[in-house]
Structure formats: C-alpha cells, structure tokens
N, C-alpha and C. Protein backbone atom coordinates (compact mmCIF):
# COMPACT_ATOMS: atom_id res chain seq x y z
N MET A 1 0.85 -1.18 0.00
CA MET A 1 0.00 0.00 0.00
C MET A 1 0.89 1.24 0.00
N GLN A 2 0.50 2.23 -0.75
CA GLN A 2 1.25 3.46 -0.87
C GLN A 2 1.19 4.25 0.44
N GLU A 3 2.31 4.94 0.77
CA GLU A 3 2.35 5.75 1.97
C GLU A 3 2.43 7.22 1.59
N ASP A 4 1.98 8.09 2.49
CA ASP A 4 2.09 9.52 2.24
C ASP A 4 3.45 10.00 2.72
N ASP A 5 3.68 11.33 2.68
CA ASP A 5 4.99 11.90 3.04
C ASP A 5 5.38 11.65 4.49
N GLU A 6 4.41 11.39 5.35
CA GLU A 6 4.70 11.15 6.76
C GLU A 6 4.77 9.67 7.08
N GLY A 7 4.74 8.82 6.06
CA GLY A 7 4.84 7.39 6.26
C GLY A 7 3.54 6.73 6.70
N LEU A 8 2.43 7.44 6.60
CA LEU A 8 1.15 6.88 6.98
C LEU A 8 0.53 6.15 5.80
N ILE A 9 -0.05 5.02 6.05
CA ILE A 9 -0.71 4.27 4.98
C ILE A 9 -1.97 5.01 4.59
N MET A 10 -2.12 5.25 3.29
CA MET A 10 -3.27 5.98 2.77
C MET A 10 -4.38 4.98 2.42
N ARG A 11 -5.03 4.46 3.45
CA ARG A 11 -6.07 3.46 3.28
C ARG A 11 -7.16 3.76 4.31
N PRO A 12 -8.02 4.75 4.01
CA PRO A 12 -8.99 5.16 5.02
C PRO A 12 -10.01 4.08 5.38
N TYR A 13 -10.41 3.22 4.42
CA TYR A 13 -11.34 2.14 4.72
C TYR A 13 -10.57 0.84 4.88
N THR A 14 -10.91 0.10 5.93
CA THR A 14 -10.33 -1.22 6.13
C THR A 14 -11.44 -2.19 6.51
N ILE A 15 -11.20 -3.44 6.17
CA ILE A 15 -12.10 -4.51 6.59
C ILE A 15 -11.40 -5.24 7.72
N ASP A 16 -12.09 -5.33 8.84
CA ASP A 16 -11.55 -6.02 10.01
C ASP A 16 -12.64 -6.94 10.53
N GLY A 17 -12.45 -8.23 10.37
CA GLY A 17 -13.48 -9.19 10.77
C GLY A 17 -14.71 -9.03 9.90
N ASP A 18 -15.85 -8.79 10.52
CA ASP A 18 -17.11 -8.66 9.79
C ASP A 18 -17.54 -7.21 9.61
N ASP A 19 -16.61 -6.28 9.73
CA ASP A 19 -16.96 -4.86 9.65
C ASP A 19 -16.02 -4.07 8.75
N VAL A 20 -16.58 -2.99 8.18
CA VAL A 20 -15.79 -2.02 7.43
C VAL A 20 -15.60 -0.81 8.33
N TRP A 21 -14.36 -0.35 8.43
CA TRP A 21 -14.02 0.76 9.31
C TRP A 21 -13.41 1.90 8.51
N TRP A 22 -13.71 3.14 8.94
CA TRP A 22 -13.06 4.35 8.43
C TRP A 22 -12.00 4.68 9.46
N VAL A 23 -10.75 4.77 9.02
CA VAL A 23 -9.64 5.01 9.94
C VAL A 23 -9.00 6.34 9.56
N THR A 24 -8.97 7.26 10.52
CA THR A 24 -8.35 8.56 10.27
C THR A 24 -7.81 9.12 11.58
N GLU A 25 -6.63 9.66 11.50
CA GLU A 25 -5.98 10.29 12.65
C GLU A 25 -6.05 9.42 13.90
N GLY A 26 -5.81 8.12 13.72
CA GLY A 26 -5.79 7.21 14.84
C GLY A 26 -7.13 6.79 15.37
N ARG A 27 -8.22 7.26 14.78
CA ARG A 27 -9.56 6.88 15.22
C ARG A 27 -10.15 5.89 14.22
N ARG A 28 -10.98 4.99 14.74
CA ARG A 28 -11.71 4.03 13.89
C ARG A 28 -13.19 4.24 14.09
N VAL A 29 -13.92 4.35 12.97
CA VAL A 29 -15.37 4.49 13.00
C VAL A 29 -15.96 3.35 12.18
N ARG A 30 -16.88 2.59 12.78
CA ARG A 30 -17.52 1.50 12.05
C ARG A 30 -18.49 2.10 11.04
N ILE A 31 -18.37 1.67 9.79
CA ILE A 31 -19.21 2.16 8.71
C ILE A 31 -20.36 1.20 8.41
N CYS A 32 -20.04 -0.07 8.28
CA CYS A 32 -21.07 -1.07 8.00
C CYS A 32 -20.48 -2.46 8.18
N GLY A 33 -21.35 -3.44 8.14
CA GLY A 33 -20.90 -4.83 8.17
C GLY A 33 -20.58 -5.31 6.77
N ILE A 34 -19.87 -6.42 6.68
CA ILE A 34 -19.46 -6.92 5.37
C ILE A 34 -20.63 -7.47 4.56
N TYR A 35 -21.76 -7.73 5.22
CA TYR A 35 -22.92 -8.23 4.50
C TYR A 35 -23.94 -7.13 4.24
N GLU A 36 -23.56 -5.88 4.51
CA GLU A 36 -24.38 -4.73 4.17
C GLU A 36 -23.88 -4.17 2.84
N THR A 37 -24.57 -3.16 2.35
CA THR A 37 -24.20 -2.58 1.06
C THR A 37 -23.45 -1.27 1.26
N PHE A 38 -22.35 -1.15 0.56
CA PHE A 38 -21.52 0.05 0.56
C PHE A 38 -21.94 0.88 -0.66
N ALA A 39 -21.69 2.16 -0.62
CA ALA A 39 -22.06 3.00 -1.76
C ALA A 39 -21.08 4.16 -1.90
N ALA A 40 -21.06 4.71 -3.10
CA ALA A 40 -20.24 5.88 -3.40
C ALA A 40 -21.01 6.78 -4.36
N ALA A 41 -21.06 8.07 -4.05
CA ALA A 41 -21.72 9.05 -4.92
C ALA A 41 -20.64 9.77 -5.73
N VAL A 42 -20.83 9.75 -7.04
CA VAL A 42 -19.83 10.29 -7.96
C VAL A 42 -20.49 11.29 -8.90
N ASP A 43 -19.78 12.37 -9.18
CA ASP A 43 -20.19 13.29 -10.24
C ASP A 43 -19.60 12.73 -11.53
N VAL A 44 -20.46 12.19 -12.38
CA VAL A 44 -19.97 11.51 -13.58
C VAL A 44 -19.45 12.48 -14.64
N SER A 45 -19.67 13.77 -14.47
CA SER A 45 -19.15 14.73 -15.45
C SER A 45 -17.68 15.04 -15.22
N ASN A 46 -17.20 14.83 -13.98
CA ASN A 46 -15.80 15.19 -13.71
C ASN A 46 -15.06 14.16 -12.85
N GLY A 47 -15.74 13.11 -12.42
CA GLY A 47 -15.08 12.06 -11.66
C GLY A 47 -14.84 12.37 -10.20
N VAL A 48 -15.48 13.39 -9.67
CA VAL A 48 -15.30 13.73 -8.26
C VAL A 48 -16.10 12.76 -7.39
N LEU A 49 -15.44 12.17 -6.42
CA LEU A 49 -16.07 11.29 -5.44
C LEU A 49 -16.57 12.18 -4.30
N HIS A 50 -17.89 12.29 -4.17
CA HIS A 50 -18.46 13.22 -3.20
C HIS A 50 -18.78 12.60 -1.85
N SER A 51 -19.34 11.41 -1.84
CA SER A 51 -19.77 10.79 -0.59
C SER A 51 -19.56 9.29 -0.71
N HIS A 52 -19.22 8.65 0.40
CA HIS A 52 -18.96 7.21 0.38
C HIS A 52 -19.18 6.66 1.77
N GLY A 53 -19.63 5.40 1.82
CA GLY A 53 -19.89 4.76 3.10
C GLY A 53 -21.11 3.86 3.01
N HIS A 54 -21.82 3.73 4.11
CA HIS A 54 -23.02 2.90 4.15
C HIS A 54 -24.02 3.45 3.14
N GLU A 55 -24.70 2.55 2.43
CA GLU A 55 -25.60 2.98 1.36
C GLU A 55 -26.68 3.95 1.81
N ASP A 56 -27.21 3.79 3.02
CA ASP A 56 -28.26 4.70 3.49
C ASP A 56 -27.74 6.12 3.64
N PHE A 57 -26.56 6.25 4.23
CA PHE A 57 -25.93 7.56 4.41
C PHE A 57 -25.68 8.23 3.05
N VAL A 58 -25.11 7.49 2.12
CA VAL A 58 -24.78 8.05 0.81
C VAL A 58 -26.04 8.42 0.04
N GLN A 59 -27.06 7.57 0.09
CA GLN A 59 -28.30 7.87 -0.64
C GLN A 59 -28.99 9.11 -0.05
N GLU A 60 -29.02 9.23 1.27
CA GLU A 60 -29.61 10.42 1.89
C GLU A 60 -28.87 11.67 1.46
N TRP A 61 -27.54 11.61 1.45
CA TRP A 61 -26.74 12.76 1.01
C TRP A 61 -27.07 13.11 -0.45
N ALA A 62 -27.11 12.09 -1.30
CA ALA A 62 -27.38 12.32 -2.73
C ALA A 62 -28.77 12.90 -2.94
N ASP A 63 -29.77 12.40 -2.23
CA ASP A 63 -31.13 12.92 -2.36
C ASP A 63 -31.20 14.40 -1.96
N ARG A 64 -30.59 14.74 -0.83
CA ARG A 64 -30.57 16.15 -0.38
C ARG A 64 -29.84 17.04 -1.39
N THR A 65 -28.71 16.56 -1.88
CA THR A 65 -27.89 17.36 -2.79
C THR A 65 -28.58 17.55 -4.13
N LYS A 66 -29.17 16.48 -4.66
CA LYS A 66 -29.89 16.58 -5.94
C LYS A 66 -31.08 17.54 -5.80
N SER A 67 -31.78 17.47 -4.68
CA SER A 67 -32.91 18.36 -4.45
C SER A 67 -32.45 19.81 -4.40
N ALA A 68 -31.36 20.06 -3.71
CA ALA A 68 -30.84 21.43 -3.61
C ALA A 68 -30.42 21.95 -4.99
N PHE A 69 -29.77 21.13 -5.78
CA PHE A 69 -29.38 21.54 -7.13
C PHE A 69 -30.61 21.86 -7.97
N THR A 70 -31.59 20.98 -7.93
CA THR A 70 -32.80 21.17 -8.74
C THR A 70 -33.55 22.42 -8.30
N GLN A 71 -33.75 22.58 -7.01
CA GLN A 71 -34.46 23.76 -6.50
C GLN A 71 -33.68 25.04 -6.76
N GLY A 72 -32.37 24.93 -6.83
CA GLY A 72 -31.53 26.10 -7.10
C GLY A 72 -31.41 26.44 -8.57
N GLY A 73 -32.06 25.66 -9.43
CA GLY A 73 -32.02 25.96 -10.86
C GLY A 73 -30.87 25.29 -11.61
N PHE A 74 -30.30 24.24 -11.01
CA PHE A 74 -29.18 23.55 -11.65
C PHE A 74 -29.48 22.06 -11.80
N PRO A 75 -30.54 21.71 -12.52
CA PRO A 75 -30.91 20.29 -12.65
C PRO A 75 -29.82 19.46 -13.33
N GLN A 76 -29.02 20.08 -14.16
CA GLN A 76 -27.95 19.33 -14.84
C GLN A 76 -26.93 18.80 -13.82
N TYR A 77 -26.69 19.55 -12.74
CA TYR A 77 -25.77 19.06 -11.70
C TYR A 77 -26.39 17.88 -10.96
N ALA A 78 -27.69 17.95 -10.73
CA ALA A 78 -28.38 16.83 -10.08
C ALA A 78 -28.28 15.58 -10.94
N ASP A 79 -28.43 15.74 -12.24
CA ASP A 79 -28.36 14.59 -13.15
C ASP A 79 -26.98 13.96 -13.18
N ASP A 80 -25.95 14.74 -12.90
CA ASP A 80 -24.57 14.23 -12.94
C ASP A 80 -24.19 13.41 -11.72
N LEU A 81 -24.99 13.48 -10.64
CA LEU A 81 -24.69 12.70 -9.44
C LEU A 81 -25.25 11.28 -9.58
N VAL A 82 -24.37 10.30 -9.45
CA VAL A 82 -24.74 8.90 -9.56
C VAL A 82 -24.29 8.18 -8.29
N VAL A 83 -25.16 7.36 -7.75
CA VAL A 83 -24.81 6.56 -6.57
C VAL A 83 -24.57 5.13 -7.02
N HIS A 84 -23.36 4.64 -6.77
CA HIS A 84 -23.00 3.25 -7.04
C HIS A 84 -23.15 2.48 -5.74
N ARG A 85 -23.91 1.38 -5.77
CA ARG A 85 -24.08 0.52 -4.61
C ARG A 85 -23.40 -0.81 -4.93
N PHE A 86 -22.72 -1.37 -3.92
CA PHE A 86 -22.00 -2.61 -4.21
C PHE A 86 -21.70 -3.40 -2.96
N ALA A 87 -21.42 -4.68 -3.20
CA ALA A 87 -21.07 -5.60 -2.12
C ALA A 87 -19.72 -5.21 -1.54
N VAL A 88 -19.58 -5.47 -0.26
CA VAL A 88 -18.29 -5.24 0.40
C VAL A 88 -17.39 -6.43 0.09
N THR A 89 -16.34 -6.16 -0.66
CA THR A 89 -15.28 -7.14 -0.91
C THR A 89 -13.97 -6.39 -0.70
N PRO A 90 -12.89 -7.09 -0.40
CA PRO A 90 -11.60 -6.40 -0.28
C PRO A 90 -11.25 -5.61 -1.54
N GLU A 91 -11.60 -6.16 -2.70
CA GLU A 91 -11.28 -5.50 -3.96
C GLU A 91 -12.09 -4.21 -4.13
N ALA A 92 -13.36 -4.25 -3.80
CA ALA A 92 -14.21 -3.06 -3.93
C ALA A 92 -13.77 -1.97 -2.97
N ILE A 93 -13.47 -2.34 -1.73
CA ILE A 93 -13.02 -1.35 -0.75
C ILE A 93 -11.67 -0.78 -1.16
N SER A 94 -10.80 -1.60 -1.71
CA SER A 94 -9.52 -1.12 -2.22
C SER A 94 -9.72 -0.10 -3.34
N GLU A 95 -10.71 -0.35 -4.20
CA GLU A 95 -11.00 0.58 -5.29
C GLU A 95 -11.52 1.91 -4.75
N VAL A 96 -12.39 1.88 -3.75
CA VAL A 96 -12.85 3.13 -3.14
C VAL A 96 -11.67 3.89 -2.54
N ASN A 97 -10.79 3.18 -1.84
CA ASN A 97 -9.60 3.84 -1.29
C ASN A 97 -8.75 4.47 -2.39
N ALA A 98 -8.61 3.79 -3.53
CA ALA A 98 -7.86 4.34 -4.66
C ALA A 98 -8.53 5.60 -5.18
N CYS A 99 -9.87 5.61 -5.22
CA CYS A 99 -10.60 6.80 -5.68
C CYS A 99 -10.41 7.97 -4.72
N ILE A 100 -10.32 7.68 -3.44
CA ILE A 100 -10.08 8.73 -2.44
C ILE A 100 -8.69 9.32 -2.64
N ARG A 101 -7.71 8.49 -2.95
CA ARG A 101 -6.33 8.95 -3.13
C ARG A 101 -6.10 9.69 -4.43
N SER A 102 -6.90 9.39 -5.46
CA SER A 102 -6.61 9.90 -6.80
C SER A 102 -7.80 10.65 -7.38
N THR A 103 -7.69 11.96 -7.46
CA THR A 103 -8.76 12.79 -8.00
C THR A 103 -9.09 12.35 -9.43
N GLY A 104 -10.37 12.20 -9.71
CA GLY A 104 -10.82 11.84 -11.05
C GLY A 104 -10.95 10.35 -11.30
N ARG A 105 -10.33 9.52 -10.46
CA ARG A 105 -10.40 8.07 -10.67
C ARG A 105 -11.83 7.56 -10.58
N ALA A 106 -12.66 8.22 -9.79
CA ALA A 106 -14.04 7.77 -9.59
C ALA A 106 -14.88 7.87 -10.87
N MET A 107 -14.38 8.58 -11.87
CA MET A 107 -15.09 8.70 -13.14
C MET A 107 -15.42 7.31 -13.71
N ARG A 108 -14.54 6.34 -13.46
CA ARG A 108 -14.74 4.98 -14.00
C ARG A 108 -15.05 3.97 -12.91
N LEU A 109 -15.54 4.45 -11.75
CA LEU A 109 -15.82 3.56 -10.64
C LEU A 109 -16.85 2.50 -11.00
N GLY A 110 -17.92 2.88 -11.66
CA GLY A 110 -18.94 1.90 -12.05
C GLY A 110 -18.38 0.78 -12.89
N GLU A 111 -17.53 1.14 -13.85
CA GLU A 111 -16.90 0.14 -14.72
C GLU A 111 -16.00 -0.79 -13.90
N ARG A 112 -15.20 -0.21 -13.02
CA ARG A 112 -14.30 -1.03 -12.21
C ARG A 112 -15.08 -1.96 -11.28
N LEU A 113 -16.19 -1.47 -10.71
CA LEU A 113 -17.00 -2.32 -9.85
C LEU A 113 -17.62 -3.48 -10.62
N ARG A 114 -18.02 -3.22 -11.86
CA ARG A 114 -18.56 -4.31 -12.69
C ARG A 114 -17.50 -5.39 -12.91
N VAL A 115 -16.28 -4.97 -13.20
CA VAL A 115 -15.19 -5.93 -13.41
C VAL A 115 -14.92 -6.70 -12.13
N ILE A 116 -14.88 -6.01 -11.00
CA ILE A 116 -14.68 -6.68 -9.71
C ILE A 116 -15.79 -7.69 -9.48
N GLY A 117 -17.03 -7.30 -9.74
CA GLY A 117 -18.16 -8.20 -9.57
C GLY A 117 -18.04 -9.44 -10.44
N GLU A 118 -17.64 -9.25 -11.69
CA GLU A 118 -17.47 -10.38 -12.60
C GLU A 118 -16.34 -11.29 -12.14
N THR A 119 -15.23 -10.70 -11.72
CA THR A 119 -14.07 -11.45 -11.26
C THR A 119 -14.40 -12.26 -10.01
N CYS A 120 -15.21 -11.67 -9.14
CA CYS A 120 -15.57 -12.33 -7.88
C CYS A 120 -16.76 -13.24 -8.02
N GLY A 121 -17.38 -13.27 -9.20
CA GLY A 121 -18.55 -14.11 -9.40
C GLY A 121 -19.81 -13.52 -8.78
N LEU A 122 -19.84 -12.20 -8.61
CA LEU A 122 -20.99 -11.52 -8.03
C LEU A 122 -21.74 -10.78 -9.13
N ALA A 123 -23.02 -10.54 -8.90
CA ALA A 123 -23.75 -9.64 -9.79
C ALA A 123 -23.10 -8.27 -9.66
N ALA A 124 -23.14 -7.47 -10.73
CA ALA A 124 -22.41 -6.20 -10.76
C ALA A 124 -22.65 -5.33 -9.54
N MET A 125 -23.87 -5.24 -9.07
CA MET A 125 -24.15 -4.41 -7.92
C MET A 125 -24.80 -5.24 -6.81
N ALA A 126 -24.33 -6.46 -6.66
CA ALA A 126 -24.89 -7.35 -5.64
C ALA A 126 -24.79 -6.72 -4.26
N PRO A 127 -25.83 -6.87 -3.45
CA PRO A 127 -25.82 -6.23 -2.15
C PRO A 127 -24.94 -6.90 -1.11
N MET A 128 -24.49 -8.11 -1.34
CA MET A 128 -23.62 -8.73 -0.36
C MET A 128 -22.79 -9.82 -1.01
N GLY A 129 -21.76 -10.23 -0.31
CA GLY A 129 -20.90 -11.30 -0.80
C GLY A 129 -19.45 -10.91 -0.70
N ARG A 130 -18.61 -11.89 -0.80
CA ARG A 130 -17.17 -11.65 -0.73
C ARG A 130 -16.50 -12.44 -1.82
N CYS A 131 -15.43 -11.90 -2.32
CA CYS A 131 -14.62 -12.55 -3.35
C CYS A 131 -13.76 -13.63 -2.74
C-alpha cells in the first residue's frame, strides 16, 4: 500500500473481521458490516467522489444534494450525481480507497465495480458477498 509523506498508509477504509471501518488520525469508526451494502456518490461529469460509506448515508446525502441543485435551478448538476451501490469485498473497498487517493479516478468507478463483480462471481451491484 502506498504511503504519504509522513509514512502513513493511505487506506482510510479497512475490513476487520465482519466490519468495514473508516480510519483517520488514529480513530476508527464503524461504517457497515461486510454483509451490508456500501455506496459511493460520484459526479460523472468530472469524476469527483463526493460521498462514500453505508448505502443509506450516501443515498440520503445524494437525495438532499440533488434536491438542492434542482431547487436552485441547476438540474444538470443533479443529473450528474450517480450513486454506485456494491457488495463489500476487499477489492471493492480497495477501489474506493484508490478513488479517495486519486482525483478523477471515480469517473470509471462503475466500470471497475462491474469488473470486480465479474471477477468475484458476483452480480455487478450485488448487495452482499465476498470474493
């Protein structure tokens, strides 16, 4: 895993046992279980990863944001927000971590998740399972 300038591993999401954790500044926050659905909200026009974590949290954020864009007269921005839902696998979580580290990488997140799903023998957006 790649390290930053201070020697810290740049891997904010980790799978430990039956849970996915967000690790930052020495703190761990449980995000979801491995049999729950993870999600990521992406602006498909520019590849910006806006929100990620448990599917309910991400969907609520996306709904509020799309509503604000639409009410504000910017429906095209609302249309550009896409929520990808997927099974928790080490490969999928690794891909989300890569998107966090690399601006614009999320532009192809849906495609990468489909490949991960095919490789792992899962449906492209299966709600649970492990590779």
